[in-house]
Amino acid sequence: MALTKLDDRNFDAAEAEALLKKHLGVRELKGFGLEGRRAAISAAGACLAYAKDTQRAAAGHIAEIKYFESSDFMVLDPITLKNLEIFETRGQLTNDIFLPS
């Protein structure tokens, strides 16, 4: 795995906010759920700056950002995933339909 070290200035909240607003064409980031979330703005701005730098393009394919909390999701442990057959079934898959007589 390759890691790229980023300069601390990439995480400056004011610069990140300005970059995000300019790129997204908005006056404020409230509509993206980022109002008052300085760390999230810093991280998103650093990611956008990195994408622009490494892709050598305007990063026009990045058209929106979404903020979420880990509490917005349910984490399922491996045993639960197995019992719910989320990724694989325990039995065979057939096209047969069982109809009781």
N, C-alpha and C. Protein backbone atom coordinates (compact mmCIF):
# COMPACT_ATOMS: atom_id res chain seq x y z
N MET A 1 0.84 -1.16 0.00
CA MET A 1 0.00 0.00 0.00
C MET A 1 0.89 1.23 0.00
N ALA A 2 0.61 2.12 -0.90
CA ALA A 2 1.38 3.36 -0.98
C ALA A 2 0.68 4.46 -0.19
N LEU A 3 1.46 5.19 0.56
CA LEU A 3 0.93 6.32 1.33
C LEU A 3 1.53 7.61 0.79
N THR A 4 0.71 8.63 0.74
CA THR A 4 1.18 9.93 0.29
C THR A 4 1.06 10.91 1.44
N LYS A 5 2.17 11.50 1.81
CA LYS A 5 2.16 12.47 2.90
C LYS A 5 1.65 13.80 2.36
N LEU A 6 0.71 14.40 3.09
CA LEU A 6 0.18 15.69 2.71
C LEU A 6 0.66 16.74 3.68
N ASP A 7 0.91 17.91 3.17
CA ASP A 7 1.34 19.03 3.99
C ASP A 7 0.18 19.45 4.89
N ASP A 8 0.50 19.91 6.09
CA ASP A 8 -0.53 20.34 7.04
C ASP A 8 -1.43 21.43 6.48
N ARG A 9 -0.90 22.26 5.59
CA ARG A 9 -1.71 23.35 5.04
C ARG A 9 -2.90 22.83 4.25
N ASN A 10 -2.82 21.60 3.76
CA ASN A 10 -3.95 21.01 3.04
C ASN A 10 -5.17 20.83 3.94
N PHE A 11 -4.94 20.82 5.26
CA PHE A 11 -6.02 20.59 6.21
C PHE A 11 -6.48 21.88 6.88
N ASP A 12 -6.02 23.02 6.41
CA ASP A 12 -6.46 24.29 6.98
C ASP A 12 -7.95 24.46 6.69
N ALA A 13 -8.74 24.65 7.75
CA ALA A 13 -10.19 24.68 7.62
C ALA A 13 -10.68 25.82 6.72
N ALA A 14 -10.09 26.99 6.85
CA ALA A 14 -10.53 28.13 6.03
C ALA A 14 -10.23 27.89 4.56
N GLU A 15 -9.05 27.40 4.25
CA GLU A 15 -8.69 27.11 2.85
C GLU A 15 -9.54 25.98 2.29
N ALA A 16 -9.76 24.96 3.11
CA ALA A 16 -10.57 23.82 2.69
C ALA A 16 -12.00 24.26 2.38
N GLU A 17 -12.55 25.11 3.24
CA GLU A 17 -13.91 25.59 3.03
C GLU A 17 -14.01 26.41 1.75
N ALA A 18 -13.04 27.27 1.53
CA ALA A 18 -13.04 28.08 0.30
C ALA A 18 -12.92 27.20 -0.93
N LEU A 19 -12.06 26.20 -0.89
CA LEU A 19 -11.88 25.28 -2.01
C LEU A 19 -13.17 24.52 -2.30
N LEU A 20 -13.81 24.00 -1.26
CA LEU A 20 -15.04 23.24 -1.43
C LEU A 20 -16.15 24.12 -2.01
N LYS A 21 -16.31 25.32 -1.47
CA LYS A 21 -17.35 26.22 -1.97
C LYS A 21 -17.13 26.56 -3.44
N LYS A 22 -15.89 26.86 -3.79
CA LYS A 22 -15.58 27.19 -5.18
C LYS A 22 -15.84 26.01 -6.10
N HIS A 23 -15.37 24.84 -5.70
CA HIS A 23 -15.52 23.65 -6.54
C HIS A 23 -16.99 23.26 -6.71
N LEU A 24 -17.76 23.35 -5.63
CA LEU A 24 -19.15 22.93 -5.67
C LEU A 24 -20.09 24.05 -6.15
N GLY A 25 -19.55 25.26 -6.28
CA GLY A 25 -20.35 26.37 -6.78
C GLY A 25 -21.43 26.82 -5.81
N VAL A 26 -21.10 26.84 -4.52
CA VAL A 26 -22.08 27.24 -3.50
C VAL A 26 -21.50 28.34 -2.62
N ARG A 27 -22.38 29.02 -1.91
CA ARG A 27 -21.95 30.07 -0.98
C ARG A 27 -21.70 29.53 0.42
N GLU A 28 -22.36 28.42 0.74
CA GLU A 28 -22.18 27.82 2.06
C GLU A 28 -22.28 26.31 1.94
N LEU A 29 -21.78 25.62 2.96
CA LEU A 29 -21.74 24.16 2.94
C LEU A 29 -22.85 23.54 3.78
N LYS A 30 -23.76 24.37 4.24
CA LYS A 30 -24.85 23.91 5.10
C LYS A 30 -25.68 22.81 4.43
N GLY A 31 -25.94 22.96 3.15
CA GLY A 31 -26.74 21.99 2.40
C GLY A 31 -26.11 20.61 2.31
N PHE A 32 -24.83 20.54 2.61
CA PHE A 32 -24.12 19.26 2.58
C PHE A 32 -23.97 18.67 3.98
N GLY A 33 -24.57 19.35 4.97
CA GLY A 33 -24.49 18.86 6.35
C GLY A 33 -23.16 19.16 7.02
N LEU A 34 -22.42 20.13 6.50
CA LEU A 34 -21.09 20.42 7.03
C LEU A 34 -21.03 21.65 7.92
N GLU A 35 -22.13 22.33 8.12
CA GLU A 35 -22.12 23.55 8.92
C GLU A 35 -21.61 23.25 10.34
N GLY A 36 -20.56 23.98 10.73
CA GLY A 36 -19.99 23.82 12.06
C GLY A 36 -19.11 22.59 12.25
N ARG A 37 -18.88 21.86 11.22
CA ARG A 37 -18.06 20.63 11.32
C ARG A 37 -16.70 20.89 10.70
N ARG A 38 -15.87 21.60 11.44
CA ARG A 38 -14.57 22.04 10.95
C ARG A 38 -13.66 20.88 10.55
N ALA A 39 -13.64 19.83 11.35
CA ALA A 39 -12.77 18.68 11.03
C ALA A 39 -13.21 18.01 9.72
N ALA A 40 -14.52 17.88 9.54
CA ALA A 40 -15.03 17.26 8.31
C ALA A 40 -14.73 18.14 7.10
N ILE A 41 -14.86 19.45 7.27
CA ILE A 41 -14.54 20.38 6.18
C ILE A 41 -13.06 20.29 5.84
N SER A 42 -12.22 20.25 6.85
CA SER A 42 -10.77 20.13 6.62
C SER A 42 -10.44 18.85 5.87
N ALA A 43 -11.03 17.74 6.29
CA ALA A 43 -10.76 16.46 5.65
C ALA A 43 -11.27 16.43 4.21
N ALA A 44 -12.48 16.94 4.00
CA ALA A 44 -13.05 16.96 2.65
C ALA A 44 -12.24 17.86 1.72
N GLY A 45 -11.82 19.01 2.24
CA GLY A 45 -11.00 19.91 1.44
C GLY A 45 -9.66 19.29 1.08
N ALA A 46 -9.05 18.59 2.04
CA ALA A 46 -7.77 17.93 1.77
C ALA A 46 -7.94 16.83 0.72
N CYS A 47 -9.03 16.09 0.80
CA CYS A 47 -9.30 15.04 -0.19
C CYS A 47 -9.50 15.63 -1.59
N LEU A 48 -10.24 16.74 -1.65
CA LEU A 48 -10.47 17.38 -2.94
C LEU A 48 -9.16 17.93 -3.51
N ALA A 49 -8.36 18.55 -2.67
CA ALA A 49 -7.07 19.08 -3.12
C ALA A 49 -6.18 17.94 -3.62
N TYR A 50 -6.19 16.82 -2.91
CA TYR A 50 -5.40 15.65 -3.32
C TYR A 50 -5.89 15.12 -4.67
N ALA A 51 -7.21 15.03 -4.84
CA ALA A 51 -7.76 14.53 -6.11
C ALA A 51 -7.37 15.46 -7.26
N LYS A 52 -7.47 16.74 -7.04
CA LYS A 52 -7.10 17.69 -8.09
C LYS A 52 -5.62 17.59 -8.43
N ASP A 53 -4.80 17.41 -7.42
CA ASP A 53 -3.36 17.33 -7.63
C ASP A 53 -2.95 16.04 -8.33
N THR A 54 -3.47 14.93 -7.88
CA THR A 54 -3.05 13.64 -8.44
C THR A 54 -3.70 13.32 -9.76
N GLN A 55 -4.91 13.82 -9.99
CA GLN A 55 -5.59 13.54 -11.25
C GLN A 55 -5.20 14.52 -12.34
N ARG A 56 -4.50 15.57 -11.96
CA ARG A 56 -4.07 16.59 -12.92
C ARG A 56 -5.24 17.12 -13.74
N ALA A 57 -6.37 17.24 -13.07
CA ALA A 57 -7.57 17.73 -13.74
C ALA A 57 -8.37 18.57 -12.75
N ALA A 58 -9.45 19.09 -13.20
CA ALA A 58 -10.28 19.95 -12.35
C ALA A 58 -11.11 19.15 -11.35
N ALA A 59 -11.08 17.85 -11.42
CA ALA A 59 -11.86 16.97 -10.55
C ALA A 59 -13.35 17.25 -10.71
N GLY A 60 -13.76 17.52 -11.93
CA GLY A 60 -15.16 17.82 -12.22
C GLY A 60 -16.10 16.67 -11.93
N HIS A 61 -15.56 15.46 -11.85
CA HIS A 61 -16.40 14.31 -11.56
C HIS A 61 -16.87 14.31 -10.10
N ILE A 62 -16.26 15.14 -9.28
CA ILE A 62 -16.70 15.26 -7.89
C ILE A 62 -17.73 16.37 -7.85
N ALA A 63 -18.99 15.98 -7.76
CA ALA A 63 -20.08 16.95 -7.86
C ALA A 63 -20.82 17.18 -6.55
N GLU A 64 -20.59 16.34 -5.56
CA GLU A 64 -21.25 16.51 -4.28
C GLU A 64 -20.45 15.80 -3.19
N ILE A 65 -20.74 16.18 -1.97
CA ILE A 65 -20.16 15.50 -0.82
C ILE A 65 -21.29 15.18 0.14
N LYS A 66 -21.11 14.13 0.91
CA LYS A 66 -22.13 13.73 1.88
C LYS A 66 -21.47 13.53 3.23
N TYR A 67 -22.08 14.09 4.24
CA TYR A 67 -21.59 13.91 5.60
C TYR A 67 -22.44 12.86 6.29
N PHE A 68 -21.79 11.96 7.00
CA PHE A 68 -22.54 10.98 7.78
C PHE A 68 -21.76 10.63 9.03
N GLU A 69 -22.48 10.16 10.01
CA GLU A 69 -21.91 9.71 11.28
C GLU A 69 -21.92 8.18 11.27
N SER A 70 -21.01 7.60 12.01
CA SER A 70 -21.01 6.14 12.09
C SER A 70 -22.28 5.64 12.76
N SER A 71 -22.92 6.48 13.58
CA SER A 71 -24.17 6.07 14.23
C SER A 71 -25.34 6.03 13.25
N ASP A 72 -25.14 6.51 12.02
CA ASP A 72 -26.18 6.46 11.00
C ASP A 72 -26.33 5.05 10.42
N PHE A 73 -25.45 4.15 10.78
CA PHE A 73 -25.43 2.82 10.21
C PHE A 73 -25.42 1.76 11.30
N MET A 74 -25.85 0.58 10.94
CA MET A 74 -25.82 -0.53 11.86
C MET A 74 -24.66 -1.45 11.47
N VAL A 75 -23.88 -1.82 12.44
CA VAL A 75 -22.75 -2.70 12.19
C VAL A 75 -23.17 -4.13 12.54
N LEU A 76 -22.96 -5.03 11.61
CA LEU A 76 -23.31 -6.43 11.82
C LEU A 76 -22.04 -7.25 11.98
N ASP A 77 -21.99 -8.05 13.03
CA ASP A 77 -20.82 -8.90 13.26
C ASP A 77 -20.86 -10.09 12.30
N PRO A 78 -19.74 -10.79 12.14
CA PRO A 78 -19.66 -11.91 11.18
C PRO A 78 -20.71 -13.00 11.40
N ILE A 79 -21.03 -13.32 12.65
CA ILE A 79 -22.01 -14.38 12.92
C ILE A 79 -23.40 -13.93 12.46
N THR A 80 -23.75 -12.68 12.71
CA THR A 80 -25.04 -12.16 12.26
C THR A 80 -25.12 -12.16 10.74
N LEU A 81 -24.03 -11.74 10.08
CA LEU A 81 -24.01 -11.76 8.62
C LEU A 81 -24.22 -13.17 8.08
N LYS A 82 -23.62 -14.14 8.74
CA LYS A 82 -23.76 -15.54 8.32
C LYS A 82 -25.20 -16.01 8.53
N ASN A 83 -25.75 -15.74 9.71
CA ASN A 83 -27.11 -16.19 10.01
C ASN A 83 -28.16 -15.53 9.13
N LEU A 84 -27.93 -14.29 8.76
CA LEU A 84 -28.88 -13.60 7.88
C LEU A 84 -28.63 -13.92 6.40
N GLU A 85 -27.57 -14.68 6.14
CA GLU A 85 -27.20 -15.08 4.78
C GLU A 85 -27.08 -13.85 3.88
N ILE A 86 -26.36 -12.84 4.38
CA ILE A 86 -26.19 -11.59 3.64
C ILE A 86 -25.33 -11.80 2.39
N PHE A 87 -24.23 -12.53 2.54
CA PHE A 87 -23.30 -12.67 1.41
C PHE A 87 -23.35 -14.05 0.76
N GLU A 88 -23.79 -15.04 1.48
CA GLU A 88 -23.90 -16.37 0.89
C GLU A 88 -24.96 -17.16 1.62
N THR A 89 -25.56 -18.08 0.88
CA THR A 89 -26.59 -18.91 1.49
C THR A 89 -25.97 -20.20 2.00
N ARG A 90 -26.63 -20.82 2.93
CA ARG A 90 -26.15 -22.11 3.47
C ARG A 90 -26.62 -23.27 2.61
N GLY A 91 -27.75 -23.10 1.98
CA GLY A 91 -28.30 -24.18 1.16
C GLY A 91 -28.04 -23.93 -0.31
N GLN A 92 -28.59 -24.79 -1.12
CA GLN A 92 -28.44 -24.63 -2.56
C GLN A 92 -29.52 -23.71 -3.09
N LEU A 93 -29.16 -22.97 -4.09
CA LEU A 93 -30.15 -22.15 -4.78
C LEU A 93 -30.70 -22.98 -5.93
N THR A 94 -32.01 -23.10 -5.99
CA THR A 94 -32.63 -23.85 -7.08
C THR A 94 -33.77 -23.02 -7.65
N ASN A 95 -34.22 -23.44 -8.79
CA ASN A 95 -35.38 -22.79 -9.41
C ASN A 95 -36.66 -23.48 -9.03
N ASP A 96 -36.56 -24.54 -8.18
CA ASP A 96 -37.75 -25.27 -7.76
C ASP A 96 -38.57 -24.43 -6.79
N ILE A 97 -39.86 -24.54 -6.94
CA ILE A 97 -40.78 -23.85 -6.03
C ILE A 97 -41.46 -24.92 -5.19
N PHE A 98 -41.42 -24.74 -3.90
CA PHE A 98 -42.04 -25.70 -3.01
C PHE A 98 -43.46 -25.25 -2.70
N LEU A 99 -44.41 -26.07 -3.05
CA LEU A 99 -45.81 -25.80 -2.73
C LEU A 99 -46.34 -26.97 -1.92
N PRO A 100 -46.80 -26.70 -0.69
CA PRO A 100 -47.32 -27.81 0.11
C PRO A 100 -48.58 -28.40 -0.52
N SER A 101 -48.76 -29.72 -0.38
CA SER A 101 -49.92 -30.38 -0.98
C SER A 101 -51.16 -30.15 -0.15
